[in-house]
């Protein structure tokens, strides 16, 4: 773990907490590696029966760090395909594969990679003010094409991906991608209640069911994530991508040209 990703265990419940609140828990390469290690540690620990994914501060996760994903311990790769494949898609696969129930605790925002991690969990509990979205198009990035299309109708996918609209969690609950929406003051209680319930259930049987589901889906998901990464690489070579990055740094609206 790192100071930016905390791993704690309380009884049979392990919690991975994103701890970069000053950046709304935006992910960098070291955080991704630490989250991956935390998921694997929970998977290997026979005393852990439930995994909770949470974020410290005002927001669960605002997505990838669009300024620079690289860190001294985990620098960016010169190979764009390798860089994107070892990014948050690794976490999506790890969360889907772990044979223990997973809960994502969402406050305020779950955007981009943050929403993808939430979608990869078995349960998502969010507070009422929270919004979710995959606003990659605002930065000229092609992504978000693997998980959401398997969960919701095509027209919903088009709205979320192409318009980059942020969606209230009550509406997203109607799509079936949010388990429960509660007042902000009740969020911790709701997560703890579900985690306690699950930790006392037949978690090995649940794990076997998850494994069977993952085995059915794995080939399709892995292929979809590779296709998504290929699209992301292609988008990184466009003028719109460069304009999106500059506009983000300059804190202005991007002026896209479609090139």
C-alpha atoms as a PDB file:
ATOM      1  CA  UNK A   1       0.000   0.000   0.000  1.00  0.00           C
ATOM      2  CA  UNK A   2       0.931   3.662  -0.253  1.00  0.00           C
ATOM      3  CA  UNK A   3      -0.135   6.790   1.616  1.00  0.00           C
ATOM      4  CA  UNK A   4      -2.576   7.342  -1.258  1.00  0.00           C
ATOM      5  CA  UNK A   5      -4.198   3.904  -0.943  1.00  0.00           C
ATOM      6  CA  UNK A   6      -5.051   2.438   2.454  1.00  0.00           C
ATOM      7  CA  UNK A   7      -5.829  -1.202   3.224  1.00  0.00           C
ATOM      8  CA  UNK A   8      -7.588  -2.095   6.468  1.00  0.00           C
ATOM      9  CA  UNK A   9      -9.310  -5.185   7.846  1.00  0.00           C
ATOM     10  CA  UNK A  10     -12.076  -5.186  10.439  1.00  0.00           C
ATOM     11  CA  UNK A  11     -13.102  -8.729  11.268  1.00  0.00           C
ATOM     12  CA  UNK A  12     -14.037 -10.401   7.983  1.00  0.00           C
ATOM     13  CA  UNK A  13     -14.326  -7.128   6.046  1.00  0.00           C
ATOM     14  CA  UNK A  14     -11.380  -5.632   4.140  1.00  0.00           C
ATOM     15  CA  UNK A  15     -11.542  -2.032   2.924  1.00  0.00           C
ATOM     16  CA  UNK A  16      -9.430  -0.398   0.226  1.00  0.00           C
ATOM     17  CA  UNK A  17      -9.618   3.388   0.589  1.00  0.00           C
ATOM     18  CA  UNK A  18      -8.428   5.808  -2.067  1.00  0.00           C
ATOM     19  CA  UNK A  19      -6.632   8.481  -0.060  1.00  0.00           C
ATOM     20  CA  UNK A  20      -5.827  11.355  -2.370  1.00  0.00           C
ATOM     21  CA  UNK A  21      -8.697  13.676  -1.403  1.00  0.00           C
ATOM     22  CA  UNK A  22      -6.926  16.857  -2.540  1.00  0.00           C
ATOM     23  CA  UNK A  23      -7.240  15.525  -6.121  1.00  0.00           C
ATOM     24  CA  UNK A  24     -10.706  13.982  -5.588  1.00  0.00           C
ATOM     25  CA  UNK A  25      -8.922  10.604  -5.503  1.00  0.00           C
ATOM     26  CA  UNK A  26      -7.895  10.818  -9.151  1.00  0.00           C
ATOM     27  CA  UNK A  27      -5.812   7.757  -9.989  1.00  0.00           C
ATOM     28  CA  UNK A  28      -2.121   7.671 -10.821  1.00  0.00           C
ATOM     29  CA  UNK A  29      -0.058   4.609 -11.726  1.00  0.00           C
ATOM     30  CA  UNK A  30       1.120   3.963  -8.167  1.00  0.00           C
ATOM     31  CA  UNK A  31      -2.453   4.075  -6.859  1.00  0.00           C
ATOM     32  CA  UNK A  32      -3.584   1.618  -9.525  1.00  0.00           C
ATOM     33  CA  UNK A  33      -0.772  -0.771  -8.581  1.00  0.00           C
ATOM     34  CA  UNK A  34      -1.627  -0.455  -4.887  1.00  0.00           C
ATOM     35  CA  UNK A  35      -5.360  -1.028  -5.452  1.00  0.00           C
ATOM     36  CA  UNK A  36      -4.530  -4.095  -7.540  1.00  0.00           C
ATOM     37  CA  UNK A  37      -2.295  -5.416  -4.762  1.00  0.00           C
ATOM     38  CA  UNK A  38      -5.018  -4.747  -2.193  1.00  0.00           C
ATOM     39  CA  UNK A  39      -7.602  -6.695  -4.182  1.00  0.00           C
ATOM     40  CA  UNK A  40      -5.186  -9.603  -4.561  1.00  0.00           C
ATOM     41  CA  UNK A  41      -4.337  -9.499  -0.854  1.00  0.00           C
ATOM     42  CA  UNK A  42      -8.029  -9.638   0.065  1.00  0.00           C
ATOM     43  CA  UNK A  43      -8.528 -12.507  -2.370  1.00  0.00           C
ATOM     44  CA  UNK A  44      -5.709 -14.516  -0.771  1.00  0.00           C
ATOM     45  CA  UNK A  45      -6.664 -13.830   2.858  1.00  0.00           C
ATOM     46  CA  UNK A  46      -8.965 -16.636   3.982  1.00  0.00           C
ATOM     47  CA  UNK A  47     -10.185 -14.521   6.898  1.00  0.00           C
ATOM     48  CA  UNK A  48     -11.506 -11.818   4.569  1.00  0.00           C
ATOM     49  CA  UNK A  49     -15.010 -12.540   3.305  1.00  0.00           C
ATOM     50  CA  UNK A  50     -16.080  -9.144   1.911  1.00  0.00           C
ATOM     51  CA  UNK A  51     -14.185  -6.331   0.165  1.00  0.00           C
ATOM     52  CA  UNK A  52     -15.280  -2.684   0.332  1.00  0.00           C
ATOM     53  CA  UNK A  53     -13.887  -0.066  -2.071  1.00  0.00           C
ATOM     54  CA  UNK A  54     -14.142   3.507  -0.778  1.00  0.00           C
ATOM     55  CA  UNK A  55     -12.702   6.989  -1.220  1.00  0.00           C
ATOM     56  CA  UNK A  56     -11.564   9.501   1.391  1.00  0.00           C
ATOM     57  CA  UNK A  57     -12.888  13.058   1.351  1.00  0.00           C
ATOM     58  CA  UNK A  58     -15.553  14.742  -0.744  1.00  0.00           C
ATOM     59  CA  UNK A  59     -15.515  12.369  -3.706  1.00  0.00           C
ATOM     60  CA  UNK A  60     -15.148   8.628  -4.279  1.00  0.00           C
ATOM     61  CA  UNK A  61     -13.034   8.987  -7.434  1.00  0.00           C
ATOM     62  CA  UNK A  62     -12.899  11.602 -10.202  1.00  0.00           C
ATOM     63  CA  UNK A  63     -11.177   9.178 -12.613  1.00  0.00           C
ATOM     64  CA  UNK A  64      -7.636   9.057 -13.937  1.00  0.00           C
ATOM     65  CA  UNK A  65      -5.232  11.922 -13.240  1.00  0.00           C
ATOM     66  CA  UNK A  66      -5.398  13.750 -16.561  1.00  0.00           C
ATOM     67  CA  UNK A  67      -2.284  15.815 -15.828  1.00  0.00           C
ATOM     68  CA  UNK A  68       0.137  12.909 -15.364  1.00  0.00           C
ATOM     69  CA  UNK A  69      -0.470   9.280 -14.444  1.00  0.00           C
ATOM     70  CA  UNK A  70       3.252   8.625 -14.019  1.00  0.00           C
ATOM     71  CA  UNK A  71       4.970   8.414 -10.624  1.00  0.00           C
ATOM     72  CA  UNK A  72       8.639   7.800  -9.726  1.00  0.00           C
ATOM     73  CA  UNK A  73       7.773   4.242  -8.666  1.00  0.00           C
ATOM     74  CA  UNK A  74       5.500   3.599 -11.663  1.00  0.00           C
ATOM     75  CA  UNK A  75       6.457   5.888 -14.581  1.00  0.00           C
ATOM     76  CA  UNK A  76       4.443   6.069 -17.765  1.00  0.00           C
ATOM     77  CA  UNK A  77       5.333   3.589 -20.481  1.00  0.00           C
ATOM     78  CA  UNK A  78       6.495   4.737 -23.898  1.00  0.00           C
ATOM     79  CA  UNK A  79       4.193   2.051 -25.329  1.00  0.00           C
ATOM     80  CA  UNK A  80       0.715   3.590 -25.257  1.00  0.00           C
ATOM     81  CA  UNK A  81      -1.053   0.234 -25.543  1.00  0.00           C
ATOM     82  CA  UNK A  82       0.909  -1.126 -22.585  1.00  0.00           C
ATOM     83  CA  UNK A  83       0.225   2.062 -20.600  1.00  0.00           C
ATOM     84  CA  UNK A  84      -3.532   1.867 -21.063  1.00  0.00           C
ATOM     85  CA  UNK A  85      -3.795  -1.898 -20.544  1.00  0.00           C
ATOM     86  CA  UNK A  86      -1.938  -1.729 -17.219  1.00  0.00           C
ATOM     87  CA  UNK A  87      -4.127   1.188 -16.099  1.00  0.00           C
ATOM     88  CA  UNK A  88      -7.569   0.942 -14.535  1.00  0.00           C
ATOM     89  CA  UNK A  89      -8.715  -1.950 -16.821  1.00  0.00           C
ATOM     90  CA  UNK A  90      -6.504  -4.135 -14.582  1.00  0.00           C
ATOM     91  CA  UNK A  91      -8.662  -3.109 -11.620  1.00  0.00           C
ATOM     92  CA  UNK A  92     -11.874  -3.838 -13.513  1.00  0.00           C
ATOM     93  CA  UNK A  93     -10.695  -7.374 -14.198  1.00  0.00           C
ATOM     94  CA  UNK A  94      -9.422  -7.921 -10.645  1.00  0.00           C
ATOM     95  CA  UNK A  95     -12.707  -6.717  -9.119  1.00  0.00           C
ATOM     96  CA  UNK A  96     -14.745  -8.915 -11.430  1.00  0.00           C
ATOM     97  CA  UNK A  97     -12.512 -11.929 -10.785  1.00  0.00           C
ATOM     98  CA  UNK A  98     -12.151 -11.882  -6.974  1.00  0.00           C
ATOM     99  CA  UNK A  99     -14.274 -14.703  -5.553  1.00  0.00           C
ATOM    100  CA  UNK A 100     -15.632 -12.616  -2.681  1.00  0.00           C
ATOM    101  CA  UNK A 101     -18.495 -10.100  -2.672  1.00  0.00           C
ATOM    102  CA  UNK A 102     -17.449  -6.511  -3.335  1.00  0.00           C
ATOM    103  CA  UNK A 103     -19.145  -3.245  -2.363  1.00  0.00           C
ATOM    104  CA  UNK A 104     -18.350   0.190  -3.763  1.00  0.00           C
ATOM    105  CA  UNK A 105     -19.111   3.151  -1.493  1.00  0.00           C
ATOM    106  CA  UNK A 106     -19.780   6.234  -3.625  1.00  0.00           C
ATOM    107  CA  UNK A 107     -20.035   9.791  -2.380  1.00  0.00           C
ATOM    108  CA  UNK A 108     -20.448  12.832  -4.627  1.00  0.00           C
ATOM    109  CA  UNK A 109     -18.668  11.568  -7.766  1.00  0.00           C
ATOM    110  CA  UNK A 110     -17.726   8.337  -9.495  1.00  0.00           C
ATOM    111  CA  UNK A 111     -16.389   9.493 -12.841  1.00  0.00           C
ATOM    112  CA  UNK A 112     -14.386   7.858 -15.607  1.00  0.00           C
ATOM    113  CA  UNK A 113     -12.192   5.162 -14.083  1.00  0.00           C
ATOM    114  CA  UNK A 114     -14.025   5.716 -10.785  1.00  0.00           C
ATOM    115  CA  UNK A 115     -17.361   4.777 -12.341  1.00  0.00           C
ATOM    116  CA  UNK A 116     -15.763   1.841 -14.150  1.00  0.00           C
ATOM    117  CA  UNK A 117     -14.470   0.478 -10.819  1.00  0.00           C
ATOM    118  CA  UNK A 118     -17.930   0.908  -9.313  1.00  0.00           C
ATOM    119  CA  UNK A 119     -19.518  -0.933 -12.258  1.00  0.00           C
ATOM    120  CA  UNK A 120     -17.062  -3.790 -11.700  1.00  0.00           C
ATOM    121  CA  UNK A 121     -18.215  -4.266  -8.089  1.00  0.00           C
ATOM    122  CA  UNK A 122     -21.105  -6.506  -7.059  1.00  0.00           C
ATOM    123  CA  UNK A 123     -22.890  -3.782  -5.086  1.00  0.00           C
ATOM    124  CA  UNK A 124     -22.803   0.011  -5.362  1.00  0.00           C
ATOM    125  CA  UNK A 125     -24.180   2.113  -2.522  1.00  0.00           C
ATOM    126  CA  UNK A 126     -24.243   5.852  -3.191  1.00  0.00           C
ATOM    127  CA  UNK A 127     -25.331   8.970  -1.379  1.00  0.00           C
ATOM    128  CA  UNK A 128     -28.202  10.994  -2.821  1.00  0.00           C
ATOM    129  CA  UNK A 129     -26.124  13.944  -4.133  1.00  0.00           C
ATOM    130  CA  UNK A 130     -23.720  11.672  -6.030  1.00  0.00           C
ATOM    131  CA  UNK A 131     -23.327  11.727  -9.798  1.00  0.00           C
ATOM    132  CA  UNK A 132     -21.762   9.148 -12.076  1.00  0.00           C
ATOM    133  CA  UNK A 133     -20.454   9.382 -15.611  1.00  0.00           C
ATOM    134  CA  UNK A 134     -17.865   8.501 -18.211  1.00  0.00           C
ATOM    135  CA  UNK A 135     -16.913  11.983 -19.480  1.00  0.00           C
ATOM    136  CA  UNK A 136     -13.995  10.811 -21.627  1.00  0.00           C
ATOM    137  CA  UNK A 137     -15.336  12.624 -24.701  1.00  0.00           C
ATOM    138  CA  UNK A 138     -14.819  15.973 -22.935  1.00  0.00           C
ATOM    139  CA  UNK A 139     -11.060  15.330 -23.217  1.00  0.00           C
ATOM    140  CA  UNK A 140     -11.033  13.710 -26.634  1.00  0.00           C
ATOM    141  CA  UNK A 141     -10.478  10.240 -25.160  1.00  0.00           C
ATOM    142  CA  UNK A 142     -12.132   7.082 -26.497  1.00  0.00           C
ATOM    143  CA  UNK A 143     -12.864   4.799 -23.513  1.00  0.00           C
ATOM    144  CA  UNK A 144     -15.686   3.355 -21.423  1.00  0.00           C
ATOM    145  CA  UNK A 145     -16.726   0.894 -24.119  1.00  0.00           C
ATOM    146  CA  UNK A 146     -16.249  -2.413 -22.269  1.00  0.00           C
ATOM    147  CA  UNK A 147     -18.439  -2.542 -19.150  1.00  0.00           C
ATOM    148  CA  UNK A 148     -21.373  -0.178 -19.556  1.00  0.00           C
ATOM    149  CA  UNK A 149     -22.608  -1.580 -22.901  1.00  0.00           C
ATOM    150  CA  UNK A 150     -22.936  -5.008 -21.255  1.00  0.00           C
ATOM    151  CA  UNK A 151     -25.160  -3.571 -18.527  1.00  0.00           C
ATOM    152  CA  UNK A 152     -27.517  -1.016 -20.085  1.00  0.00           C
ATOM    153  CA  UNK A 153     -29.324  -0.351 -23.415  1.00  0.00           C
ATOM    154  CA  UNK A 154     -27.409   1.119 -26.337  1.00  0.00           C
ATOM    155  CA  UNK A 155     -29.258   4.446 -26.137  1.00  0.00           C
ATOM    156  CA  UNK A 156     -28.147   4.861 -22.521  1.00  0.00           C
ATOM    157  CA  UNK A 157     -24.562   4.076 -23.542  1.00  0.00           C
ATOM    158  CA  UNK A 158     -24.746   6.714 -26.288  1.00  0.00           C
ATOM    159  CA  UNK A 159     -26.020   9.323 -23.854  1.00  0.00           C
ATOM    160  CA  UNK A 160     -23.377   8.573 -21.217  1.00  0.00           C
ATOM    161  CA  UNK A 161     -20.398   8.231 -23.573  1.00  0.00           C
ATOM    162  CA  UNK A 162     -21.156  10.645 -26.406  1.00  0.00           C
ATOM    163  CA  UNK A 163     -22.646  13.574 -24.441  1.00  0.00           C
ATOM    164  CA  UNK A 164     -20.437  13.025 -21.353  1.00  0.00           C
ATOM    165  CA  UNK A 165     -23.453  13.935 -19.206  1.00  0.00           C
ATOM    166  CA  UNK A 166     -23.140  13.366 -15.477  1.00  0.00           C
ATOM    167  CA  UNK A 167     -26.053  11.270 -14.236  1.00  0.00           C
ATOM    168  CA  UNK A 168     -27.723  11.398 -10.828  1.00  0.00           C
ATOM    169  CA  UNK A 169     -27.451   8.112  -8.963  1.00  0.00           C
ATOM    170  CA  UNK A 170     -31.213   7.823  -8.509  1.00  0.00           C
ATOM    171  CA  UNK A 171     -31.595   7.674 -12.291  1.00  0.00           C
ATOM    172  CA  UNK A 172     -28.656   5.275 -12.606  1.00  0.00           C
ATOM    173  CA  UNK A 173     -30.310   3.063 -10.006  1.00  0.00           C
ATOM    174  CA  UNK A 174     -33.207   2.739 -12.438  1.00  0.00           C
ATOM    175  CA  UNK A 175     -30.766   1.330 -15.011  1.00  0.00           C
ATOM    176  CA  UNK A 176     -29.739  -1.336 -12.507  1.00  0.00           C
ATOM    177  CA  UNK A 177     -26.130  -0.185 -12.037  1.00  0.00           C
ATOM    178  CA  UNK A 178     -26.583   1.324  -8.550  1.00  0.00           C
ATOM    179  CA  UNK A 179     -27.770  -1.007  -5.798  1.00  0.00           C
ATOM    180  CA  UNK A 180     -29.007   1.530  -3.278  1.00  0.00           C
ATOM    181  CA  UNK A 181     -29.191   5.314  -2.851  1.00  0.00           C
ATOM    182  CA  UNK A 182     -29.236   6.729   0.680  1.00  0.00           C
ATOM    183  CA  UNK A 183     -28.921  10.155   2.360  1.00  0.00           C
ATOM    184  CA  UNK A 184     -25.296  11.196   2.784  1.00  0.00           C
ATOM    185  CA  UNK A 185     -25.623  10.894   6.561  1.00  0.00           C
ATOM    186  CA  UNK A 186     -26.638   7.233   6.190  1.00  0.00           C
ATOM    187  CA  UNK A 187     -23.963   6.151   3.686  1.00  0.00           C
ATOM    188  CA  UNK A 188     -21.525   4.587   6.160  1.00  0.00           C
ATOM    189  CA  UNK A 189     -24.327   2.814   7.978  1.00  0.00           C
ATOM    190  CA  UNK A 190     -25.753   1.374   4.753  1.00  0.00           C
ATOM    191  CA  UNK A 191     -22.351   0.093   3.598  1.00  0.00           C
ATOM    192  CA  UNK A 192     -21.585  -1.417   7.015  1.00  0.00           C
ATOM    193  CA  UNK A 193     -24.984  -3.116   7.225  1.00  0.00           C
ATOM    194  CA  UNK A 194     -24.605  -4.752   3.816  1.00  0.00           C
ATOM    195  CA  UNK A 195     -20.977  -5.735   4.476  1.00  0.00           C
ATOM    196  CA  UNK A 196     -21.952  -7.317   7.805  1.00  0.00           C
ATOM    197  CA  UNK A 197     -24.841  -9.180   6.172  1.00  0.00           C
ATOM    198  CA  UNK A 198     -22.613 -10.512   3.397  1.00  0.00           C
ATOM    199  CA  UNK A 199     -19.768 -11.453   5.760  1.00  0.00           C
ATOM    200  CA  UNK A 200     -22.134 -13.752   7.630  1.00  0.00           C
ATOM    201  CA  UNK A 201     -23.481 -15.392   4.497  1.00  0.00           C
ATOM    202  CA  UNK A 202     -22.257 -18.381   2.476  1.00  0.00           C
ATOM    203  CA  UNK A 203     -19.394 -16.392   0.960  1.00  0.00           C
ATOM    204  CA  UNK A 204     -17.675 -19.467  -0.454  1.00  0.00           C
ATOM    205  CA  UNK A 205     -20.811 -20.321  -2.426  1.00  0.00           C
ATOM    206  CA  UNK A 206     -21.025 -16.676  -3.498  1.00  0.00           C
ATOM    207  CA  UNK A 207     -17.378 -16.856  -4.556  1.00  0.00           C
ATOM    208  CA  UNK A 208     -18.018 -19.970  -6.607  1.00  0.00           C
ATOM    209  CA  UNK A 209     -20.960 -18.264  -8.306  1.00  0.00           C
ATOM    210  CA  UNK A 210     -18.776 -15.239  -9.032  1.00  0.00           C
ATOM    211  CA  UNK A 211     -16.100 -17.512 -10.439  1.00  0.00           C
ATOM    212  CA  UNK A 212     -18.602 -19.239 -12.707  1.00  0.00           C
ATOM    213  CA  UNK A 213     -19.972 -15.906 -13.921  1.00  0.00           C
ATOM    214  CA  UNK A 214     -16.456 -14.532 -14.460  1.00  0.00           C
ATOM    215  CA  UNK A 215     -15.431 -17.615 -16.421  1.00  0.00           C
ATOM    216  CA  UNK A 216     -18.428 -17.133 -18.689  1.00  0.00           C
ATOM    217  CA  UNK A 217     -17.725 -13.446 -19.213  1.00  0.00           C
ATOM    218  CA  UNK A 218     -13.915 -13.364 -19.063  1.00  0.00           C
ATOM    219  CA  UNK A 219     -13.061 -13.920 -22.705  1.00  0.00           C
ATOM    220  CA  UNK A 220     -15.566 -11.311 -23.813  1.00  0.00           C
ATOM    221  CA  UNK A 221     -14.519  -8.769 -21.178  1.00  0.00           C
ATOM    222  CA  UNK A 222     -10.791  -9.199 -21.795  1.00  0.00           C
ATOM    223  CA  UNK A 223     -11.319  -8.763 -25.513  1.00  0.00           C
ATOM    224  CA  UNK A 224     -13.545  -5.744 -24.928  1.00  0.00           C
ATOM    225  CA  UNK A 225     -10.956  -4.120 -22.668  1.00  0.00           C
ATOM    226  CA  UNK A 226      -8.244  -4.654 -25.296  1.00  0.00           C
ATOM    227  CA  UNK A 227     -10.487  -3.119 -27.964  1.00  0.00           C
ATOM    228  CA  UNK A 228     -11.189  -0.214 -25.610  1.00  0.00           C
ATOM    229  CA  UNK A 229      -7.448   0.261 -25.032  1.00  0.00           C
ATOM    230  CA  UNK A 230      -6.853   0.240 -28.800  1.00  0.00           C
ATOM    231  CA  UNK A 231      -9.481   2.955 -29.219  1.00  0.00           C
ATOM    232  CA  UNK A 232      -7.906   4.945 -26.386  1.00  0.00           C
ATOM    233  CA  UNK A 233      -4.480   4.703 -28.048  1.00  0.00           C
ATOM    234  CA  UNK A 234      -5.935   5.901 -31.353  1.00  0.00           C
ATOM    235  CA  UNK A 235      -7.698   8.801 -29.651  1.00  0.00           C
ATOM    236  CA  UNK A 236      -4.420   9.797 -27.941  1.00  0.00           C
ATOM    237  CA  UNK A 237      -2.990  10.536 -31.393  1.00  0.00           C
ATOM    238  CA  UNK A 238      -5.723  13.024 -32.334  1.00  0.00           C
ATOM    239  CA  UNK A 239      -5.714  16.809 -32.263  1.00  0.00           C
ATOM    240  CA  UNK A 240      -8.828  16.716 -30.080  1.00  0.00           C
ATOM    241  CA  UNK A 241      -6.950  14.707 -27.427  1.00  0.00           C
ATOM    242  CA  UNK A 242      -4.143  17.280 -27.325  1.00  0.00           C
ATOM    243  CA  UNK A 243      -6.672  20.106 -27.149  1.00  0.00           C
ATOM    244  CA  UNK A 244      -8.539  18.321 -24.342  1.00  0.00           C
ATOM    245  CA  UNK A 245      -5.354  17.985 -22.292  1.00  0.00           C
ATOM    246  CA  UNK A 246      -4.345  21.624 -22.811  1.00  0.00           C
ATOM    247  CA  UNK A 247      -7.847  22.862 -22.005  1.00  0.00           C
ATOM    248  CA  UNK A 248      -7.890  20.805 -18.808  1.00  0.00           C
ATOM    249  CA  UNK A 249      -4.570  22.284 -17.655  1.00  0.00           C
ATOM    250  CA  UNK A 250      -5.707  25.814 -18.597  1.00  0.00           C
ATOM    251  CA  UNK A 251      -9.100  25.260 -16.896  1.00  0.00           C
ATOM    252  CA  UNK A 252     -11.118  26.258 -19.955  1.00  0.00           C
ATOM    253  CA  UNK A 253     -13.646  24.649 -22.259  1.00  0.00           C
ATOM    254  CA  UNK A 254     -11.960  22.683 -25.075  1.00  0.00           C
ATOM    255  CA  UNK A 255     -12.357  23.758 -28.697  1.00  0.00           C
ATOM    256  CA  UNK A 256     -12.591  20.477 -30.583  1.00  0.00           C
ATOM    257  CA  UNK A 257     -12.252  20.192 -34.363  1.00  0.00           C
ATOM    258  CA  UNK A 258     -13.171  16.523 -34.821  1.00  0.00           C
ATOM    259  CA  UNK A 259      -9.622  15.654 -35.909  1.00  0.00           C
END
